[in-house]
Amino acid sequence: MMGYLSLFVSAFLAATLLPFSSEVLLATYILSGEYNLMWLWIWATLGNVTGSVVNWVLGRYFIQLVARSRFLFSQSEIDKAQDLFLKYGVWTLLLAWLPVVGDPLTFIAGVFRVPILLFIVLVFLGKGSRYFVVIYLVI
């Protein structure tokens, strides 16, 4: 159980504060052969989506604090995500798994008050698909 929990935490952190890659830990667990692939996919996806929900909450309720701190995202990352979001709308959340622009997209979704259920569904589909591909490529 500790391995699944560490994967959840790794995926969570990868979607929030740290420039971190949960895929390395996921691949390590897959190659060890000690873990159920379905459970790895579930824990990685749930951790990453939960981290994205934190970004949404920060965008929705704490935009002024985050904008002043420059802690989570640079202004250029926020600007790129906002431009993408304004051009393509909520469907960009399917791309929340992308490096550089993905996490700021989830923040911008909160700023633009995307309904949380729609947000979770789209982000889950995108991030879940990414982890599925990672698992497929590793095995």
Protein backbone atom coordinates (compact mmCIF):
# COMPACT_ATOMS: atom_id res chain seq x y z
CA MET A 1 0.00 0.00 0.00
CA MET A 2 2.90 2.35 0.70
CA GLY A 3 3.99 2.21 -2.95
CA TYR A 4 0.55 3.26 -4.18
CA LEU A 5 0.45 6.08 -1.63
CA SER A 6 3.88 7.32 -2.65
CA LEU A 7 2.75 7.27 -6.29
CA PHE A 8 -0.35 9.29 -5.36
CA VAL A 9 1.80 11.87 -3.54
CA SER A 10 4.29 11.98 -6.41
CA ALA A 11 1.51 12.54 -8.97
CA PHE A 12 -0.15 15.12 -6.71
CA LEU A 13 3.07 17.12 -6.31
CA ALA A 14 3.77 16.87 -10.04
CA ALA A 15 0.49 18.69 -10.69
CA THR A 16 1.01 21.42 -8.09
CA LEU A 17 4.09 22.92 -6.54
CA LEU A 18 7.12 21.08 -7.80
CA PRO A 19 8.63 20.61 -11.22
CA PHE A 20 8.40 16.89 -10.67
CA SER A 21 7.79 13.84 -12.82
CA SER A 22 5.60 11.08 -11.45
CA GLU A 23 6.15 9.01 -14.59
CA VAL A 24 9.60 7.91 -13.42
CA LEU A 25 8.19 6.45 -10.19
CA LEU A 26 5.30 4.88 -12.10
CA ALA A 27 7.70 3.24 -14.56
CA THR A 28 9.84 1.98 -11.68
CA TYR A 29 6.83 0.36 -10.03
CA ILE A 30 5.69 -1.19 -13.30
CA LEU A 31 9.10 -2.67 -14.00
CA SER A 32 9.37 -4.07 -10.47
CA GLY A 33 6.43 -6.36 -11.23
CA GLU A 34 5.21 -6.03 -7.64
CA TYR A 35 2.21 -3.82 -8.32
CA ASN A 36 -1.15 -4.21 -10.02
CA LEU A 37 -1.20 -2.09 -13.19
CA MET A 38 -4.82 -1.02 -12.73
CA TRP A 39 -4.13 0.21 -9.19
CA LEU A 40 -1.03 2.06 -10.36
CA TRP A 41 -3.11 3.80 -13.01
CA ILE A 42 -5.85 4.66 -10.51
CA TRP A 43 -3.51 6.06 -7.84
CA ALA A 44 -1.40 8.05 -10.32
CA THR A 45 -4.45 9.51 -12.04
CA LEU A 46 -6.24 10.37 -8.79
CA GLY A 47 -3.12 12.01 -7.37
CA ASN A 48 -2.54 14.09 -10.47
CA VAL A 49 -6.19 15.12 -10.79
CA THR A 50 -6.30 16.04 -7.09
CA GLY A 51 -3.26 18.26 -7.59
CA SER A 52 -5.03 19.92 -10.51
CA VAL A 53 -8.07 20.53 -8.32
CA VAL A 54 -5.77 22.38 -5.90
CA ASN A 55 -4.66 24.57 -8.83
CA TRP A 56 -8.32 25.19 -9.75
CA VAL A 57 -9.10 26.21 -6.16
CA LEU A 58 -6.12 28.57 -6.12
CA GLY A 59 -7.26 30.14 -9.38
CA ARG A 60 -10.88 30.35 -8.28
CA TYR A 61 -10.47 31.67 -4.75
CA PHE A 62 -6.90 32.87 -4.26
CA ILE A 63 -5.97 34.51 -7.56
CA GLN A 64 -4.73 37.71 -5.92
CA LEU A 65 -2.50 35.85 -3.47
CA VAL A 66 -1.03 33.61 -6.16
CA ALA A 67 -0.54 36.49 -8.61
CA ARG A 68 1.46 38.42 -6.01
CA SER A 69 3.57 35.52 -4.81
CA ARG A 70 4.81 34.24 -8.23
CA PHE A 71 5.33 30.97 -6.38
CA LEU A 72 3.36 28.50 -8.45
CA PHE A 73 3.54 29.74 -12.02
CA SER A 74 5.48 32.40 -13.85
CA GLN A 75 3.56 35.19 -15.53
CA SER A 76 4.56 33.86 -18.96
CA GLU A 77 3.15 30.41 -18.11
CA ILE A 78 -0.10 31.99 -16.96
CA ASP A 79 -0.26 34.15 -20.10
CA LYS A 80 0.30 31.15 -22.41
CA ALA A 81 -2.34 29.12 -20.60
CA GLN A 82 -4.81 31.99 -20.67
CA ASP A 83 -4.30 32.54 -24.40
CA LEU A 84 -4.82 28.83 -25.08
CA PHE A 85 -7.88 28.74 -22.85
CA LEU A 86 -9.42 31.81 -24.45
CA LYS A 87 -8.82 30.39 -27.93
CA TYR A 88 -10.11 26.83 -27.39
CA GLY A 89 -12.21 27.01 -24.21
CA VAL A 90 -12.74 24.26 -21.66
CA TRP A 91 -11.59 21.58 -24.11
CA THR A 92 -8.02 22.68 -23.43
CA LEU A 93 -8.38 20.92 -20.07
CA LEU A 94 -7.97 17.64 -21.95
CA LEU A 95 -4.38 18.85 -22.42
CA ALA A 96 -3.74 19.54 -18.73
CA TRP A 97 -1.17 16.72 -18.80
CA LEU A 98 1.18 18.69 -21.07
CA PRO A 99 4.45 19.95 -19.63
CA VAL A 100 4.85 23.71 -19.02
CA VAL A 101 1.34 24.82 -19.97
CA GLY A 102 -0.79 22.02 -18.46
CA ASP A 103 -0.69 22.99 -14.79
CA PRO A 104 -1.24 26.71 -15.45
CA LEU A 105 -4.27 25.69 -17.56
CA THR A 106 -5.85 24.14 -14.49
CA PHE A 107 -5.18 27.35 -12.57
CA ILE A 108 -6.70 29.48 -15.35
CA ALA A 109 -9.76 27.22 -15.37
CA GLY A 110 -10.32 28.23 -11.76
CA VAL A 111 -9.86 31.91 -12.62
CA PHE A 112 -12.47 31.56 -15.38
CA ARG A 113 -14.76 29.69 -13.00
CA VAL A 114 -15.11 26.49 -15.00
CA PRO A 115 -17.66 24.35 -13.12
CA ILE A 116 -15.74 21.92 -10.90
CA LEU A 117 -17.51 18.78 -12.13
CA LEU A 118 -16.80 19.59 -15.79
CA PHE A 119 -13.24 20.45 -14.81
CA ILE A 120 -12.69 17.13 -13.02
CA VAL A 121 -14.15 15.08 -15.88
CA LEU A 122 -12.01 16.75 -18.56
CA VAL A 123 -8.81 16.73 -16.51
CA PHE A 124 -9.41 13.10 -15.48
CA LEU A 125 -9.86 12.06 -19.12
CA GLY A 126 -6.65 13.81 -20.21
CA LYS A 127 -4.44 12.80 -17.32
CA GLY A 128 -5.87 9.29 -17.10
CA SER A 129 -5.15 8.80 -20.81
CA ARG A 130 -1.60 10.00 -20.35
CA TYR A 131 -0.94 7.52 -17.53
CA PHE A 132 -2.54 4.75 -19.59
CA VAL A 133 -0.10 5.51 -22.42
CA VAL A 134 2.83 5.58 -20.01
CA ILE A 135 1.87 2.16 -18.63
CA TYR A 136 1.39 0.78 -22.15
CA LEU A 137 4.80 2.08 -23.27
CA VAL A 138 6.59 0.71 -20.21
CA ILE A 139 5.10 -2.79 -20.48
